[in-house]
Amino acid sequence: MGDKLKKAGQDYMEKLKRLKTWSGFAVKEKYTPEDVKNIDYQTDIADPGQYPFTRGIYADMYRGKLWTRRQPWGFGTPEDTNEQLKFLIEHGNTGLMVFRDQPTMHGIDSDHPLARGEVGVSGVPLCSVEDMEDLMDGIPLEKVSMTLLCASVVSPVVMAQYLVVAKRRGIDPAVLRGTISNDSIMSHVCYSKEANPINLGIKVWGDLVEYCAKNMPLWHAAYVSAPYNIRDSGIDAPQEIAFGLAIAATYIDGTLRRGMDIDDVARRMSFYCNTGIDLFEEVAKFRAMRRMWARMLREKYGARDPRSWQFKFAVQCAGSSLVPQQPLNNIARTAFEALAAVLGGAQSVFCTTYTEPISLPTKEAQRTALGIQGIIAYETGAALVADPLGGSYYVEALTDKLEEEAGKIMAEIENMGGFSKALESGWVDKQVEEGNIRYQKEIESGERLIVGVNTMTIPPEEDSTPPGGVLRIPPETEQKQIARVKRLKETRDQSQVKKTLENLREESGKGEGENLMPAVMEAVEAYATVEEIMGTIREAYGLSWDPWGIRKSPF
């Protein structure tokens, strides 16, 4: 008891050990007009809705329309995930987002040997249009905003599945609203280099953007998800800005080489960003990204449409910031992170649930995440004013600092020959590795304190299971999906599948300027699978059918 009382006396005089932002910028005791004396309001900040959009892309921001509450889900079979999506709509989701499982993301079917143990585990399997039909059963595609979270070279196949389902319902693609996550460069960094070759990724990204620009004016196909995923892998806020914008520039350059107009690409472009726990740094980060994007598009690329200058972004609360110890504390973490996203002007928010470090979301965890967004929207007053932290000496100085540091990183990437070259040289992987090591050392030394991890800890035996328990995927789910895929392959019209794949192979061989989406859609309609379609495209580009060389073309 004496030691505990002594500790209580010491804690009474506790002071902060770390006087830096999350990214390591030293923070002064106070900020004054002197810290923002070089900022010109009209040139560097301006009103909300005005170039360079530092304060937000719309004049009235959330008074005109609240951000989209877009809690995602996806596990088990397509029927399981369909039920989950309807549950989210019932409990407050205003937009939908679907996770695909790892086999689908890597372009292999559920019956592939390497798919075992991963089918339906971290998302829904989407092997064929049959899966997409069951996934979207009863969901009015013409009325909802849908995000298909694929983020790999497989994205044209998933997009084609969605479009074929809409076509069979008689829905005009021009009325479909949503996003296809198709950033395969991110997947090259974070998931699989074998399944996401850079040049093929840039090619299919351009195909989707071109196709949607002509046929789907309400759809965001020019999507960059690297800011979220690579940030969660270990980089800091300035690197998140720089990597995200540099990857976007890589994709833009690819579309311009094929003759597209910059405004056709950029005005429907959007980003998937990370929001961490350092509230003020995160708000400043979003403000800096908006300003840098606006200037890059207008000054470097010569975009003329003001919509092209607007940095439109969705946010996911940082999964890496959540810990398994005392998991209910994660509710507070995601609440602050979601608040930072709103104060920073996000167009869509996904609150990572408190079960993230332990399991997939339970129904209780999803309801809590939606409740967090509702509280921010309806109770805190954060949505009443556009850019409510604008004018803060600290936030404005921090916005400038983040832009300055991110600009240096972008210049370094450009000097290496662009992001593709930086990636091929190993420089990007090195930055991620160094960030992870630095973060771990800060925790081990006690410089960075994480509640439940290295401060305010409790014995493991007192750490109770969170409300709602832990979600586990029934083992029979995988076998059910594998049987489904095998049945499809046995009962479809094989000659039609072969015919459409031969056409796809021919179209793929015509060069970078040939858009593959029509041929992909034709193959999807014939019930060709994701592995068969991607294998055909890969072979046409001189790659192996199977990224890992285990299976070969059956045709």
Protein backbone atom coordinates (compact mmCIF):
# COMPACT_ATOMS: atom_id res chain seq x y z
CA MET A 1 0.00 0.00 0.00
CA GLY A 2 2.86 2.38 0.80
CA ASP A 3 4.33 2.05 -2.69
CA LYS A 4 0.92 2.74 -4.24
CA LEU A 5 0.46 5.89 -2.16
CA LYS A 6 3.97 7.03 -3.03
CA LYS A 7 3.18 6.55 -6.74
CA ALA A 8 -0.05 8.54 -6.34
CA GLY A 9 1.94 11.42 -4.92
CA GLN A 10 4.40 11.29 -7.81
CA ASP A 11 1.62 11.13 -10.41
CA TYR A 12 0.04 14.28 -8.97
CA MET A 13 3.00 16.26 -10.31
CA GLU A 14 3.13 14.39 -13.64
CA LYS A 15 4.24 16.34 -16.70
CA LEU A 16 4.18 15.47 -20.37
CA LYS A 17 7.31 13.63 -21.46
CA ARG A 18 6.81 14.04 -25.19
CA LEU A 19 6.48 17.60 -26.48
CA LYS A 20 6.11 16.66 -30.13
CA THR A 21 3.32 15.92 -32.54
CA TRP A 22 2.68 12.30 -33.50
CA SER A 23 4.99 12.81 -36.51
CA GLY A 24 7.77 14.21 -34.35
CA PHE A 25 7.48 17.98 -34.83
CA ALA A 26 8.52 19.92 -31.73
CA VAL A 27 5.60 21.95 -30.37
CA LYS A 28 6.03 25.32 -28.70
CA GLU A 29 4.37 26.27 -25.43
CA LYS A 30 2.16 28.77 -27.21
CA TYR A 31 1.49 30.13 -30.67
CA THR A 32 0.95 33.80 -31.46
CA PRO A 33 0.35 36.06 -34.48
CA GLU A 34 4.12 35.98 -34.98
CA ASP A 35 3.87 32.33 -36.03
CA VAL A 36 1.50 33.13 -38.89
CA LYS A 37 2.84 36.50 -39.98
CA ASN A 38 3.95 35.19 -43.38
CA ILE A 39 0.56 33.69 -44.24
CA ASP A 40 -1.56 35.66 -46.68
CA TYR A 41 -5.22 34.86 -46.08
CA GLN A 42 -6.47 35.22 -49.64
CA THR A 43 -3.53 33.40 -51.25
CA ASP A 44 -2.80 30.67 -48.71
CA ILE A 45 -6.09 30.07 -46.92
CA ALA A 46 -9.13 31.83 -48.45
CA ASP A 47 -12.75 31.21 -47.53
CA PRO A 48 -14.26 27.72 -47.56
CA GLY A 49 -15.17 26.75 -51.11
CA GLN A 50 -12.53 29.06 -52.60
CA TYR A 51 -9.16 28.18 -54.15
CA PRO A 52 -6.83 26.82 -52.72
CA PHE A 53 -9.59 25.18 -50.62
CA THR A 54 -7.51 25.09 -47.42
CA ARG A 55 -10.69 25.58 -45.39
CA GLY A 56 -12.82 23.06 -47.25
CA ILE A 57 -14.07 22.35 -50.75
CA TYR A 58 -17.60 23.71 -50.16
CA ALA A 59 -18.64 27.10 -48.82
CA ASP A 60 -21.27 25.68 -46.47
CA MET A 61 -19.54 22.34 -45.83
CA TYR A 62 -21.74 20.16 -43.58
CA ARG A 63 -24.61 22.63 -43.53
CA GLY A 64 -25.16 21.71 -47.17
CA LYS A 65 -24.68 17.96 -46.65
CA LEU A 66 -23.28 15.95 -43.77
CA TRP A 67 -20.37 13.64 -44.49
CA THR A 68 -21.33 10.14 -45.58
CA ARG A 69 -21.38 7.63 -42.74
CA ARG A 70 -19.78 4.70 -44.49
CA GLN A 71 -19.17 1.81 -42.13
CA PRO A 72 -17.93 -1.14 -44.20
CA TRP A 73 -18.47 -4.82 -43.68
CA GLY A 74 -17.65 -8.04 -45.41
CA PHE A 75 -17.03 -11.57 -44.22
CA GLY A 76 -18.37 -15.04 -44.82
CA THR A 77 -20.39 -15.71 -47.95
CA PRO A 78 -21.96 -13.09 -50.25
CA GLU A 79 -25.30 -13.86 -48.57
CA ASP A 80 -23.73 -13.22 -45.13
CA THR A 81 -22.36 -9.86 -46.22
CA ASN A 82 -25.66 -8.90 -47.86
CA GLU A 83 -27.30 -9.32 -44.46
CA GLN A 84 -24.55 -7.20 -42.88
CA LEU A 85 -25.01 -4.35 -45.36
CA LYS A 86 -28.74 -4.24 -44.69
CA PHE A 87 -28.04 -4.16 -40.95
CA LEU A 88 -25.78 -1.11 -41.43
CA ILE A 89 -28.41 0.73 -43.47
CA GLU A 90 -30.95 0.03 -40.76
CA HIS A 91 -28.65 1.44 -38.07
CA GLY A 92 -27.58 4.70 -39.69
CA ASN A 93 -25.20 4.09 -42.58
CA THR A 94 -25.78 6.65 -45.33
CA GLY A 95 -23.39 4.97 -47.78
CA LEU A 96 -22.14 1.40 -48.21
CA MET A 97 -18.65 -0.04 -48.42
CA VAL A 98 -17.75 -3.64 -49.13
CA PHE A 99 -14.49 -5.37 -48.24
CA ARG A 100 -13.35 -8.18 -50.57
CA ASP A 101 -11.45 -11.13 -49.11
CA GLN A 102 -7.72 -11.64 -49.64
CA PRO A 103 -7.98 -14.30 -52.39
CA THR A 104 -10.20 -11.99 -54.48
CA MET A 105 -7.87 -9.06 -53.88
CA HIS A 106 -4.92 -11.12 -55.12
CA GLY A 107 -6.77 -12.29 -58.22
CA ILE A 108 -7.23 -15.94 -57.32
CA ASP A 109 -10.41 -17.98 -56.93
CA SER A 110 -11.68 -19.45 -53.68
CA ASP A 111 -10.64 -22.95 -54.80
CA HIS A 112 -6.99 -21.95 -55.30
CA PRO A 113 -4.60 -23.81 -52.93
CA LEU A 114 -3.24 -20.55 -51.49
CA ALA A 115 -6.78 -19.32 -50.74
CA ARG A 116 -7.28 -21.93 -48.02
CA GLY A 117 -7.85 -20.36 -44.64
CA GLU A 118 -8.55 -16.90 -46.13
CA VAL A 119 -11.84 -17.39 -47.99
CA GLY A 120 -14.42 -14.99 -46.54
CA VAL A 121 -12.21 -14.18 -43.55
CA SER A 122 -11.37 -10.49 -44.01
CA GLY A 123 -13.96 -9.69 -46.63
CA VAL A 124 -16.44 -11.22 -49.02
CA PRO A 125 -15.34 -13.58 -51.83
CA LEU A 126 -16.18 -12.17 -55.26
CA CYS A 127 -15.12 -14.89 -57.68
CA SER A 128 -17.87 -14.30 -60.23
CA VAL A 129 -20.91 -12.21 -61.07
CA GLU A 130 -22.98 -14.84 -59.27
CA ASP A 131 -21.31 -13.77 -56.01
CA MET A 132 -21.97 -10.09 -56.78
CA GLU A 133 -25.64 -10.80 -57.52
CA ASP A 134 -26.10 -12.45 -54.13
CA LEU A 135 -24.10 -9.73 -52.40
CA MET A 136 -26.32 -6.96 -53.82
CA ASP A 137 -29.63 -8.80 -53.54
CA GLY A 138 -32.38 -6.40 -52.47
CA ILE A 139 -30.05 -3.37 -52.37
CA PRO A 140 -31.24 -0.54 -54.68
CA LEU A 141 -28.07 0.18 -56.62
CA GLU A 142 -29.60 3.22 -58.30
CA LYS A 143 -30.24 4.85 -54.89
CA VAL A 144 -27.20 4.05 -52.73
CA SER A 145 -23.65 5.35 -52.80
CA MET A 146 -21.45 2.27 -52.98
CA THR A 147 -17.72 1.88 -52.38
CA LEU A 148 -16.20 -1.32 -53.71
CA LEU A 149 -13.01 -1.71 -51.72
CA CYS A 150 -10.69 -3.70 -53.94
CA ALA A 151 -7.46 -1.68 -54.21
CA SER A 152 -5.59 -3.96 -56.60
CA VAL A 153 -5.22 -4.82 -60.28
CA VAL A 154 -8.40 -6.90 -59.83
CA SER A 155 -10.54 -3.76 -59.55
CA PRO A 156 -11.77 -3.83 -63.21
CA VAL A 157 -13.22 -7.31 -62.62
CA VAL A 158 -15.05 -6.29 -59.44
CA MET A 159 -16.30 -3.11 -61.15
CA ALA A 160 -17.49 -5.17 -64.13
CA GLN A 161 -19.36 -7.56 -61.82
CA TYR A 162 -21.20 -4.62 -60.26
CA LEU A 163 -22.03 -3.14 -63.67
CA VAL A 164 -23.32 -6.45 -65.03
CA VAL A 165 -25.63 -6.81 -62.01
CA ALA A 166 -26.93 -3.28 -62.64
CA LYS A 167 -27.38 -4.06 -66.35
CA ARG A 168 -29.41 -7.17 -65.58
CA ARG A 169 -31.71 -5.03 -63.44
CA GLY A 170 -32.12 -2.50 -66.24
CA ILE A 171 -30.27 0.26 -64.39
CA ASP A 172 -28.52 2.94 -66.44
CA PRO A 173 -24.84 3.08 -65.34
CA ALA A 174 -25.04 6.87 -65.57
CA VAL A 175 -27.15 6.97 -62.38
CA LEU A 176 -24.83 4.76 -60.31
CA ARG A 177 -23.06 6.66 -57.55
CA GLY A 178 -19.99 5.50 -55.71
CA THR A 179 -16.32 4.63 -55.81
CA ILE A 180 -14.10 1.77 -56.92
CA SER A 181 -10.95 1.43 -54.86
CA ASN A 182 -8.38 0.63 -57.53
CA ASP A 183 -5.02 1.78 -56.15
CA SER A 184 -2.80 -1.19 -57.01
CA ILE A 185 0.40 0.78 -56.24
CA MET A 186 -0.76 0.85 -52.61
CA SER A 187 -1.32 -2.92 -52.75
CA HIS A 188 2.14 -3.35 -54.28
CA VAL A 189 3.60 -1.62 -51.20
CA CYS A 190 1.34 -3.07 -48.51
CA TYR A 191 0.18 -6.47 -49.73
CA SER A 192 1.64 -8.27 -52.74
CA LYS A 193 4.19 -7.19 -55.32
CA GLU A 194 3.61 -10.39 -57.30
CA ALA A 195 -0.11 -9.82 -57.74
CA ASN A 196 0.19 -6.06 -58.36
CA PRO A 197 2.89 -5.27 -60.95
CA ILE A 198 3.23 -1.50 -61.17
CA ASN A 199 2.86 -1.03 -64.93
CA LEU A 200 -0.23 -3.24 -65.14
CA GLY A 201 -1.70 -1.40 -62.15
CA ILE A 202 -1.27 1.97 -63.84
CA LYS A 203 -2.80 0.55 -67.03
CA VAL A 204 -5.99 -0.83 -65.42
CA TRP A 205 -6.39 2.30 -63.26
CA GLY A 206 -6.45 4.33 -66.46
CA ASP A 207 -8.92 1.93 -68.09
CA LEU A 208 -11.38 2.35 -65.23
CA VAL A 209 -11.03 6.13 -65.14
CA GLU A 210 -11.52 6.42 -68.91
CA TYR A 211 -14.49 4.05 -68.96
CA CYS A 212 -16.28 5.75 -66.06
CA ALA A 213 -15.58 9.23 -67.43
CA LYS A 214 -17.49 8.24 -70.58
CA ASN A 215 -20.27 6.18 -69.03
CA MET A 216 -20.63 6.92 -65.30
CA PRO A 217 -20.50 10.64 -64.53
CA LEU A 218 -21.41 10.15 -60.85
CA TRP A 219 -18.80 7.49 -60.18
CA HIS A 220 -15.33 8.06 -58.66
CA ALA A 221 -12.98 5.69 -60.46
CA ALA A 222 -9.86 7.84 -60.06
CA TYR A 223 -9.20 6.66 -56.52
CA VAL A 224 -6.03 6.70 -54.40
CA SER A 225 -6.13 4.67 -51.19
CA ALA A 226 -2.40 4.82 -50.43
CA PRO A 227 -2.70 7.62 -47.84
CA TYR A 228 -4.63 5.31 -45.51
CA ASN A 229 -2.91 2.01 -46.05
CA ILE A 230 0.70 3.12 -46.26
CA ARG A 231 0.22 5.44 -43.26
CA ASP A 232 -1.12 2.50 -41.28
CA SER A 233 1.97 0.53 -42.32
CA GLY A 234 4.33 2.91 -40.53
CA ILE A 235 4.86 6.31 -42.16
CA ASP A 236 4.10 9.72 -40.63
CA ALA A 237 1.74 12.55 -41.61
CA PRO A 238 4.05 14.43 -44.03
CA GLN A 239 4.91 11.14 -45.73
CA GLU A 240 1.20 10.29 -45.99
CA ILE A 241 0.62 13.57 -47.81
CA ALA A 242 3.64 13.20 -50.08
CA PHE A 243 3.16 9.53 -50.92
CA GLY A 244 -0.54 10.02 -51.61
CA LEU A 245 -0.04 12.99 -53.93
CA ALA A 246 2.98 11.41 -55.65
CA ILE A 247 1.02 8.21 -56.36
CA ALA A 248 -1.87 10.30 -57.66
CA ALA A 249 0.56 12.10 -59.97
CA THR A 250 1.84 8.73 -61.23
CA TYR A 251 -1.67 7.68 -62.19
CA ILE A 252 -2.49 11.06 -63.72
CA ASP A 253 0.64 10.96 -65.86
CA GLY A 254 -0.39 7.52 -67.10
CA THR A 255 -3.84 8.73 -68.18
CA LEU A 256 -2.40 11.82 -69.88
CA ARG A 257 -0.03 9.62 -71.89
CA ARG A 258 -3.03 7.77 -73.27
CA GLY A 259 -4.58 11.06 -74.40
CA MET A 260 -7.12 11.78 -71.67
CA ASP A 261 -7.99 15.32 -70.63
CA ILE A 262 -6.77 16.30 -67.18
CA ASP A 263 -10.19 17.57 -66.09
CA ASP A 264 -11.88 14.33 -67.13
CA VAL A 265 -9.50 12.55 -64.75
CA ALA A 266 -9.21 14.96 -61.84
CA ARG A 267 -12.74 16.20 -61.29
CA ARG A 268 -13.91 12.71 -60.26
CA MET A 269 -10.74 11.91 -58.33
CA SER A 270 -10.87 11.06 -54.63
CA PHE A 271 -8.62 9.80 -51.86
CA TYR A 272 -8.85 7.40 -48.94
CA CYS A 273 -7.00 8.94 -46.02
CA ASN A 274 -5.93 7.94 -42.55
CA THR A 275 -6.86 9.90 -39.45
CA GLY A 276 -4.77 9.29 -36.36
CA ILE A 277 -5.09 10.24 -32.73
CA ASP A 278 -3.12 13.54 -32.83
CA LEU A 279 -6.18 15.70 -33.39
CA PHE A 280 -4.52 18.98 -34.31
CA GLU A 281 -1.88 17.43 -36.57
CA GLU A 282 -4.55 15.44 -38.41
CA VAL A 283 -6.74 18.50 -39.00
CA ALA A 284 -3.71 20.42 -40.25
CA LYS A 285 -2.77 17.48 -42.48
CA PHE A 286 -6.09 17.52 -44.31
CA ARG A 287 -5.91 21.28 -44.73
CA ALA A 288 -2.39 21.01 -46.16
CA MET A 289 -3.39 18.20 -48.54
CA ARG A 290 -6.28 20.27 -49.91
CA ARG A 291 -4.03 23.23 -50.57
CA MET A 292 -1.22 21.19 -52.12
CA TRP A 293 -3.63 19.26 -54.36
CA ALA A 294 -5.32 22.46 -55.60
CA ARG A 295 -2.00 24.06 -56.48
CA MET A 296 -0.62 20.90 -58.09
CA LEU A 297 -3.65 20.43 -60.33
CA ARG A 298 -3.93 24.05 -61.38
CA GLU A 299 -0.27 25.01 -61.64
CA LYS A 300 1.49 21.77 -62.64
CA TYR A 301 -1.22 20.05 -64.66
CA GLY A 302 -3.15 23.05 -65.95
CA ALA A 303 -6.56 21.78 -64.89
CA ARG A 304 -9.25 24.36 -65.71
CA ASP A 305 -12.33 22.98 -63.97
CA PRO A 306 -12.47 24.17 -60.32
CA ARG A 307 -13.88 20.73 -59.40
CA SER A 308 -10.52 19.30 -60.45
CA TRP A 309 -8.79 21.44 -57.82
CA GLN A 310 -10.97 20.12 -55.00
CA PHE A 311 -9.32 17.46 -52.83
CA LYS A 312 -12.17 15.06 -52.10
CA PHE A 313 -11.41 12.44 -49.48
CA ALA A 314 -12.85 9.67 -47.38
CA VAL A 315 -11.37 8.86 -44.00
CA GLN A 316 -10.84 5.71 -41.99
CA CYS A 317 -9.83 6.00 -38.36
CA ALA A 318 -6.34 4.56 -37.98
CA GLY A 319 -6.51 0.84 -37.35
CA SER A 320 -2.87 0.91 -36.25
CA SER A 321 -3.71 3.27 -33.38
CA LEU A 322 -6.03 0.73 -31.74
CA VAL A 323 -4.72 -1.87 -29.29
CA PRO A 324 -6.09 -5.18 -27.96
CA GLN A 325 -5.44 -4.21 -24.34
CA GLN A 326 -8.52 -2.67 -22.68
CA PRO A 327 -10.34 -2.61 -26.04
CA LEU A 328 -13.16 -0.30 -24.88
CA ASN A 329 -10.57 2.50 -24.79
CA ASN A 330 -10.55 2.17 -28.58
CA ILE A 331 -14.01 3.76 -28.61
CA ALA A 332 -12.47 6.96 -27.28
CA ARG A 333 -9.60 6.76 -29.76
CA THR A 334 -11.88 6.40 -32.77
CA ALA A 335 -14.16 9.17 -31.47
CA PHE A 336 -11.26 11.64 -31.38
CA GLU A 337 -10.04 10.44 -34.77
CA ALA A 338 -13.49 10.80 -36.33
CA LEU A 339 -13.76 14.28 -34.80
CA ALA A 340 -10.42 15.18 -36.42
CA ALA A 341 -11.78 13.97 -39.77
CA VAL A 342 -14.87 16.13 -39.43
CA LEU A 343 -12.93 19.18 -38.25
CA GLY A 344 -10.63 18.55 -41.20
CA GLY A 345 -13.49 18.51 -43.73
CA ALA A 346 -13.83 14.85 -44.78
CA GLN A 347 -16.52 13.85 -47.28
CA SER A 348 -16.94 10.34 -45.88
CA VAL A 349 -16.00 8.73 -42.55
CA PHE A 350 -15.44 5.13 -41.50
CA CYS A 351 -14.89 4.61 -37.76
CA THR A 352 -12.69 1.58 -37.24
CA THR A 353 -14.42 -0.42 -34.51
CA TYR A 354 -13.11 -1.19 -31.04
CA THR A 355 -12.71 -4.86 -31.96
CA GLU A 356 -10.23 -4.09 -34.76
CA PRO A 357 -7.09 -5.46 -33.02
CA ILE A 358 -8.98 -8.58 -31.92
CA SER A 359 -11.44 -9.60 -34.63
CA LEU A 360 -13.72 -8.43 -37.40
CA PRO A 361 -16.49 -6.04 -36.28
CA THR A 362 -19.38 -7.45 -34.30
CA LYS A 363 -22.86 -5.96 -34.59
CA GLU A 364 -22.33 -4.21 -31.24
CA ALA A 365 -19.05 -2.71 -32.45
CA GLN A 366 -20.63 -1.45 -35.68
CA ARG A 367 -23.55 0.14 -33.83
CA THR A 368 -21.11 1.88 -31.50
CA ALA A 369 -19.08 3.19 -34.45
CA LEU A 370 -22.20 4.60 -36.08
CA GLY A 371 -23.19 6.11 -32.73
CA ILE A 372 -19.86 7.92 -32.56
CA GLN A 373 -20.55 9.56 -35.91
CA GLY A 374 -24.07 10.46 -34.87
CA ILE A 375 -22.84 12.11 -31.67
CA ILE A 376 -20.31 14.17 -33.61
CA ALA A 377 -22.93 15.18 -36.18
CA TYR A 378 -25.84 15.97 -33.89
CA GLU A 379 -24.44 16.73 -30.45
CA THR A 380 -20.93 18.25 -30.52
CA GLY A 381 -21.55 21.26 -32.79
CA ALA A 382 -18.48 20.33 -34.84
CA ALA A 383 -20.50 20.33 -38.08
CA LEU A 384 -22.06 23.77 -37.66
CA VAL A 385 -19.18 25.82 -39.04
CA ALA A 386 -16.85 25.24 -41.99
CA ASP A 387 -13.26 24.74 -40.81
CA PRO A 388 -13.93 25.71 -37.18
CA LEU A 389 -10.22 25.51 -36.28
CA GLY A 390 -9.23 27.84 -39.13
CA GLY A 391 -7.45 30.92 -37.81
CA SER A 392 -5.93 29.10 -34.85
CA TYR A 393 -2.32 30.23 -34.68
CA TYR A 394 -1.29 26.67 -33.87
CA VAL A 395 -3.33 24.98 -36.59
CA GLU A 396 -2.32 27.46 -39.29
CA ALA A 397 1.37 27.16 -38.34
CA LEU A 398 1.08 23.37 -38.28
CA THR A 399 -0.65 23.36 -41.67
CA ASP A 400 2.27 25.31 -43.12
CA LYS A 401 4.80 23.01 -41.45
CA LEU A 402 3.16 19.87 -42.83
CA GLU A 403 3.00 21.36 -46.33
CA GLU A 404 6.67 22.34 -46.12
CA GLU A 405 7.83 18.89 -44.99
CA ALA A 406 5.58 17.03 -47.43
CA GLY A 407 6.87 19.26 -50.23
CA LYS A 408 10.44 18.25 -49.44
CA ILE A 409 9.53 14.56 -49.62
CA MET A 410 7.70 15.05 -52.92
CA ALA A 411 10.74 16.83 -54.35
CA GLU A 412 12.93 13.92 -53.25
CA ILE A 413 10.58 11.46 -54.96
CA GLU A 414 10.56 13.55 -58.13
CA ASN A 415 14.37 13.65 -58.16
CA MET A 416 14.36 9.84 -58.08
CA GLY A 417 12.24 9.82 -61.24
CA GLY A 418 8.77 9.57 -59.66
CA PHE A 419 7.03 7.23 -57.25
CA SER A 420 7.41 4.14 -59.44
CA LYS A 421 11.19 4.58 -59.48
CA ALA A 422 11.25 5.28 -55.74
CA LEU A 423 9.28 2.08 -55.21
CA GLU A 424 11.45 -0.04 -57.48
CA SER A 425 14.63 1.22 -55.78
CA GLY A 426 13.46 0.04 -52.37
CA TRP A 427 13.34 3.60 -50.98
CA VAL A 428 9.61 3.46 -50.17
CA ASP A 429 9.92 0.15 -48.30
CA LYS A 430 12.85 1.62 -46.36
CA GLN A 431 10.76 4.62 -45.23
CA VAL A 432 7.99 2.31 -44.02
CA GLU A 433 10.46 0.04 -42.18
CA GLU A 434 12.25 2.96 -40.54
CA GLY A 435 8.94 4.44 -39.42
CA ASN A 436 7.90 1.18 -37.79
CA ILE A 437 11.22 0.80 -36.00
CA ARG A 438 11.16 4.38 -34.77
CA TYR A 439 7.60 4.01 -33.45
CA GLN A 440 8.40 0.77 -31.62
CA LYS A 441 11.52 2.26 -30.02
CA GLU A 442 9.51 5.24 -28.78
CA ILE A 443 7.03 2.90 -27.10
CA GLU A 444 9.73 0.69 -25.59
CA SER A 445 11.63 3.69 -24.21
CA GLY A 446 8.48 5.24 -22.77
CA GLU A 447 8.84 8.39 -24.87
CA ARG A 448 5.49 7.60 -26.50
CA LEU A 449 2.81 6.52 -24.04
CA ILE A 450 -0.09 4.31 -25.14
CA VAL A 451 -2.79 3.74 -22.53
CA GLY A 452 -3.08 0.03 -21.76
CA VAL A 453 0.23 -0.79 -23.45
CA ASN A 454 2.97 1.02 -21.51
CA THR A 455 0.98 3.21 -19.13
CA MET A 456 -2.21 2.79 -17.08
CA THR A 457 -1.96 -0.97 -17.64
CA ILE A 458 -3.94 -3.71 -15.93
CA PRO A 459 -3.17 -7.41 -15.42
CA PRO A 460 -4.06 -9.51 -18.50
CA GLU A 461 -6.49 -11.60 -16.47
CA GLU A 462 -8.52 -8.45 -15.73
CA ASP A 463 -8.75 -7.51 -19.40
CA SER A 464 -12.27 -8.70 -20.18
CA THR A 465 -13.75 -9.71 -23.52
CA PRO A 466 -15.40 -6.67 -25.13
CA PRO A 467 -19.20 -6.37 -25.36
CA GLY A 468 -20.50 -8.45 -28.23
CA GLY A 469 -17.67 -10.94 -27.87
CA VAL A 470 -15.28 -11.89 -30.64
CA LEU A 471 -16.50 -12.57 -34.16
CA ARG A 472 -15.36 -15.89 -35.59
CA ILE A 473 -16.01 -17.09 -39.13
CA PRO A 474 -17.70 -20.52 -39.15
CA PRO A 475 -15.29 -23.09 -40.65
CA GLU A 476 -17.98 -24.37 -43.01
CA THR A 477 -18.10 -20.96 -44.74
CA GLU A 478 -14.97 -21.64 -46.75
CA GLN A 479 -16.09 -25.08 -47.87
CA LYS A 480 -19.46 -23.67 -48.89
CA GLN A 481 -17.81 -21.02 -51.06
CA ILE A 482 -15.34 -23.46 -52.62
CA ALA A 483 -18.20 -25.80 -53.52
CA ARG A 484 -20.07 -22.86 -55.00
CA VAL A 485 -17.15 -21.93 -57.27
CA LYS A 486 -16.58 -25.51 -58.41
CA ARG A 487 -20.27 -25.92 -59.21
CA LEU A 488 -20.22 -22.71 -61.26
CA LYS A 489 -17.22 -23.88 -63.27
CA GLU A 490 -18.91 -27.20 -63.99
CA THR A 491 -22.35 -25.88 -65.00
CA ARG A 492 -21.67 -22.69 -67.03
CA ASP A 493 -21.30 -22.58 -70.80
CA GLN A 494 -17.59 -23.42 -71.14
CA SER A 495 -17.44 -22.55 -74.83
CA GLN A 496 -18.78 -19.06 -74.12
CA VAL A 497 -16.28 -18.55 -71.30
CA LYS A 498 -13.45 -19.62 -73.57
CA LYS A 499 -14.67 -17.35 -76.37
CA THR A 500 -14.83 -14.25 -74.14
CA LEU A 501 -11.41 -14.96 -72.62
CA GLU A 502 -9.89 -15.35 -76.08
CA ASN A 503 -11.36 -11.95 -76.97
CA LEU A 504 -9.97 -10.48 -73.75
CA ARG A 505 -6.53 -11.89 -74.54
CA GLU A 506 -6.68 -10.33 -78.00
CA GLU A 507 -7.78 -6.94 -76.66
CA SER A 508 -5.07 -7.07 -73.97
CA GLY A 509 -2.45 -7.51 -76.65
CA LYS A 510 -3.35 -4.31 -78.49
CA GLY A 511 -1.34 -2.04 -76.20
CA GLU A 512 -1.76 0.53 -73.47
CA GLY A 513 -4.37 2.60 -75.29
CA GLU A 514 -6.93 -0.21 -75.62
CA ASN A 515 -9.53 -0.05 -72.86
CA LEU A 516 -10.14 -3.54 -71.47
CA MET A 517 -13.36 -2.82 -69.57
CA PRO A 518 -15.79 -3.88 -72.38
CA ALA A 519 -13.95 -7.18 -72.84
CA VAL A 520 -13.78 -7.74 -69.07
CA MET A 521 -17.52 -7.12 -68.77
CA GLU A 522 -18.19 -9.58 -71.58
CA ALA A 523 -16.18 -12.26 -69.76
CA VAL A 524 -17.92 -11.47 -66.46
CA GLU A 525 -21.33 -11.89 -68.14
CA ALA A 526 -20.23 -15.35 -69.32
CA TYR A 527 -19.44 -16.24 -65.67
CA ALA A 528 -15.67 -16.19 -66.08
CA THR A 529 -14.03 -15.97 -62.65
CA VAL A 530 -11.70 -13.36 -61.25
CA GLU A 531 -8.72 -15.70 -61.57
CA GLU A 532 -9.54 -16.61 -65.15
CA ILE A 533 -9.92 -12.98 -66.20
CA MET A 534 -6.82 -11.72 -64.40
CA GLY A 535 -4.79 -14.73 -65.51
CA THR A 536 -5.69 -14.00 -69.13
CA ILE A 537 -4.70 -10.34 -68.81
CA ARG A 538 -1.47 -11.22 -66.99
CA GLU A 539 -0.40 -13.68 -69.67
CA ALA A 540 -1.10 -11.10 -72.38
CA TYR A 541 1.31 -8.78 -70.54
CA GLY A 542 4.05 -11.40 -70.36
CA LEU A 543 3.36 -12.45 -66.78
CA SER A 544 2.44 -15.83 -65.33
CA TRP A 545 -1.24 -16.78 -65.15
CA ASP A 546 -0.89 -17.28 -61.41
CA PRO A 547 1.12 -14.63 -59.49
CA TRP A 548 2.81 -17.46 -57.57
CA GLY A 549 3.11 -19.97 -60.41
CA ILE A 550 0.98 -22.67 -58.77
CA ARG A 551 -1.83 -22.90 -61.34
CA LYS A 552 -1.89 -22.53 -65.10
CA SER A 553 -4.59 -21.59 -67.58
CA PRO A 554 -7.25 -24.30 -67.97
CA PHE A 555 -8.15 -22.93 -71.42
